[in-house]
Amino acid sequence: MPRAYTIATAALALGVPAKWLDNTLSHFRIEGVEQERQGVARRLSLHALLVLAVSALLTRELGIPVARALELAKNIIAGNGELVFGDRLRLSTELATVRVDLLRSLEHAVEVAPLPRRGRPPKNTTGRPE
């Protein structure tokens, strides 16, 4: 089974706020994002992170709205880094470089990102009242 990353790890690797990432995933469907029911943490595949990385780049550098940037990112990845609009416009990205940078950021993020605590807080085991 391929590795899946938490929101905290993904946000750190992408250089975006976790809240932005969580909101984006709440509003848009991205292939490779595992989300079940409320209370179960989302998990993101490397492919989903690549789509998000390219879309964040489009949003940051070109000011493209997130919804459109996600569509373009999917098409750019499917086109191996290039997207052609008719015969006069071509949008390309160094997809291999984006992927290498993402993997490098993920290596660091996996080490430092906090693991989310789930469920009830642990009971007081010290015997002292809280």
Protein backbone atom coordinates (compact mmCIF):
# COMPACT_ATOMS: atom_id res chain seq x y z
CA MET A 1 0.00 0.00 0.00
CA PRO A 2 1.42 3.43 -0.92
CA ARG A 3 2.25 5.87 1.82
CA ALA A 4 -0.38 8.39 2.90
CA TYR A 5 0.32 11.69 4.64
CA THR A 6 -1.61 13.63 7.28
CA ILE A 7 -2.93 17.17 6.83
CA ALA A 8 -0.21 18.57 9.12
CA THR A 9 2.58 16.83 7.21
CA ALA A 10 1.13 17.77 3.82
CA ALA A 11 0.61 21.41 4.77
CA LEU A 12 4.17 21.68 6.06
CA ALA A 13 5.57 20.06 2.91
CA LEU A 14 3.49 22.30 0.63
CA GLY A 15 4.27 25.46 2.57
CA VAL A 16 0.60 26.29 3.13
CA PRO A 17 -1.43 26.73 6.31
CA ALA A 18 -3.10 23.51 7.52
CA LYS A 19 -6.43 25.39 7.66
CA TRP A 20 -6.12 26.34 3.97
CA LEU A 21 -5.39 22.73 3.04
CA ASP A 22 -8.24 21.38 5.16
CA ASN A 23 -10.69 23.89 3.63
CA THR A 24 -9.49 23.09 0.11
CA LEU A 25 -10.00 19.37 0.69
CA SER A 26 -13.46 20.06 2.17
CA HIS A 27 -14.57 21.95 -0.94
CA PHE A 28 -12.90 20.01 -3.77
CA ARG A 29 -12.48 16.34 -4.63
CA ILE A 30 -8.91 15.34 -5.37
CA GLU A 31 -7.95 11.84 -6.44
CA GLY A 32 -5.74 10.24 -3.82
CA VAL A 33 -7.34 11.86 -0.78
CA GLU A 34 -8.80 9.35 1.66
CA GLN A 35 -11.61 10.83 3.68
CA GLU A 36 -14.15 8.71 5.44
CA ARG A 37 -16.49 10.07 8.03
CA GLN A 38 -16.29 12.81 10.60
CA GLY A 39 -13.65 12.11 13.22
CA VAL A 40 -11.39 10.11 10.87
CA ALA A 41 -8.29 11.99 9.77
CA ARG A 42 -7.82 12.58 6.06
CA ARG A 43 -4.84 10.91 4.40
CA LEU A 44 -3.22 12.20 1.20
CA SER A 45 -1.30 10.18 -1.38
CA LEU A 46 1.80 11.43 -3.14
CA HIS A 47 -0.26 11.98 -6.31
CA ALA A 48 -2.74 14.18 -4.41
CA LEU A 49 0.15 16.15 -2.94
CA LEU A 50 1.61 16.68 -6.41
CA VAL A 51 -1.74 18.03 -7.65
CA LEU A 52 -1.89 20.34 -4.64
CA ALA A 53 1.73 21.46 -5.12
CA VAL A 54 1.16 22.41 -8.76
CA SER A 55 -2.14 24.12 -7.96
CA ALA A 56 -0.55 26.06 -5.09
CA LEU A 57 2.19 27.16 -7.49
CA LEU A 58 -0.41 28.34 -10.03
CA THR A 59 -2.36 30.17 -7.35
CA ARG A 60 0.71 31.80 -5.79
CA GLU A 61 2.54 32.74 -9.01
CA LEU A 62 -0.35 33.52 -11.36
CA GLY A 63 -3.18 34.44 -9.00
CA ILE A 64 -5.43 31.71 -10.40
CA PRO A 65 -8.39 30.81 -8.14
CA VAL A 66 -8.01 27.49 -6.33
CA ALA A 67 -10.86 25.71 -8.18
CA ARG A 68 -9.38 26.52 -11.60
CA ALA A 69 -5.81 25.89 -10.41
CA LEU A 70 -6.78 22.37 -9.29
CA GLU A 71 -8.29 21.63 -12.73
CA LEU A 72 -5.21 22.97 -14.51
CA ALA A 73 -2.87 21.08 -12.18
CA LYS A 74 -4.60 17.76 -12.94
CA ASN A 75 -4.30 18.43 -16.68
CA ILE A 76 -0.67 19.55 -16.41
CA ILE A 77 0.23 16.35 -14.56
CA ALA A 78 -1.69 14.23 -17.09
CA GLY A 79 0.20 16.04 -19.85
CA ASN A 80 3.55 15.33 -18.19
CA GLY A 81 4.14 18.96 -17.27
CA GLU A 82 2.55 20.64 -20.27
CA LEU A 83 -0.90 21.93 -21.10
CA VAL A 84 -1.78 23.22 -24.56
CA PHE A 85 -4.66 25.64 -25.20
CA GLY A 86 -5.39 25.67 -28.93
CA ASP A 87 -2.44 26.42 -31.21
CA ARG A 88 -1.24 29.66 -29.60
CA LEU A 89 -0.91 29.08 -25.90
CA ARG A 90 1.16 26.53 -24.03
CA LEU A 91 1.55 26.29 -20.25
CA SER A 92 4.42 24.17 -19.00
CA THR A 93 6.07 23.47 -15.70
CA GLU A 94 9.19 21.64 -14.65
CA LEU A 95 7.12 18.81 -13.20
CA ALA A 96 10.18 16.73 -12.33
CA THR A 97 11.59 19.63 -10.31
CA VAL A 98 8.26 20.17 -8.53
CA ARG A 99 8.19 16.45 -7.67
CA VAL A 100 11.79 16.44 -6.37
CA ASP A 101 11.15 19.56 -4.28
CA LEU A 102 7.96 18.01 -2.91
CA LEU A 103 9.74 14.78 -1.95
CA ARG A 104 12.50 16.75 -0.24
CA SER A 105 9.94 18.82 1.68
CA LEU A 106 8.03 15.67 2.64
CA GLU A 107 11.18 14.09 4.06
CA HIS A 108 11.58 17.04 6.38
CA ALA A 109 7.86 17.37 7.16
CA VAL A 110 7.51 13.71 8.17
CA GLU A 111 10.19 14.25 10.80
CA VAL A 112 8.81 17.45 12.34
CA ALA A 113 5.03 17.46 11.76
CA PRO A 114 2.96 16.69 14.85
CA LEU A 115 0.84 13.57 14.88
CA PRO A 116 -2.78 14.53 15.48
CA ARG A 117 -4.30 13.26 18.72
CA ARG A 118 -7.63 11.56 18.18
CA GLY A 119 -10.39 10.52 20.52
CA ARG A 120 -10.84 11.22 24.20
CA PRO A 121 -8.04 12.71 26.24
CA PRO A 122 -6.29 10.15 28.46
CA LYS A 123 -7.59 9.72 31.97
CA ASN A 124 -5.71 11.22 34.88
CA THR A 125 -3.42 8.41 36.05
CA THR A 126 -1.47 10.37 38.67
CA GLY A 127 -4.11 9.91 41.34
CA ARG A 128 -4.28 13.67 41.90
CA PRO A 129 -7.43 15.62 41.17
CA GLU A 130 -7.29 17.86 38.10
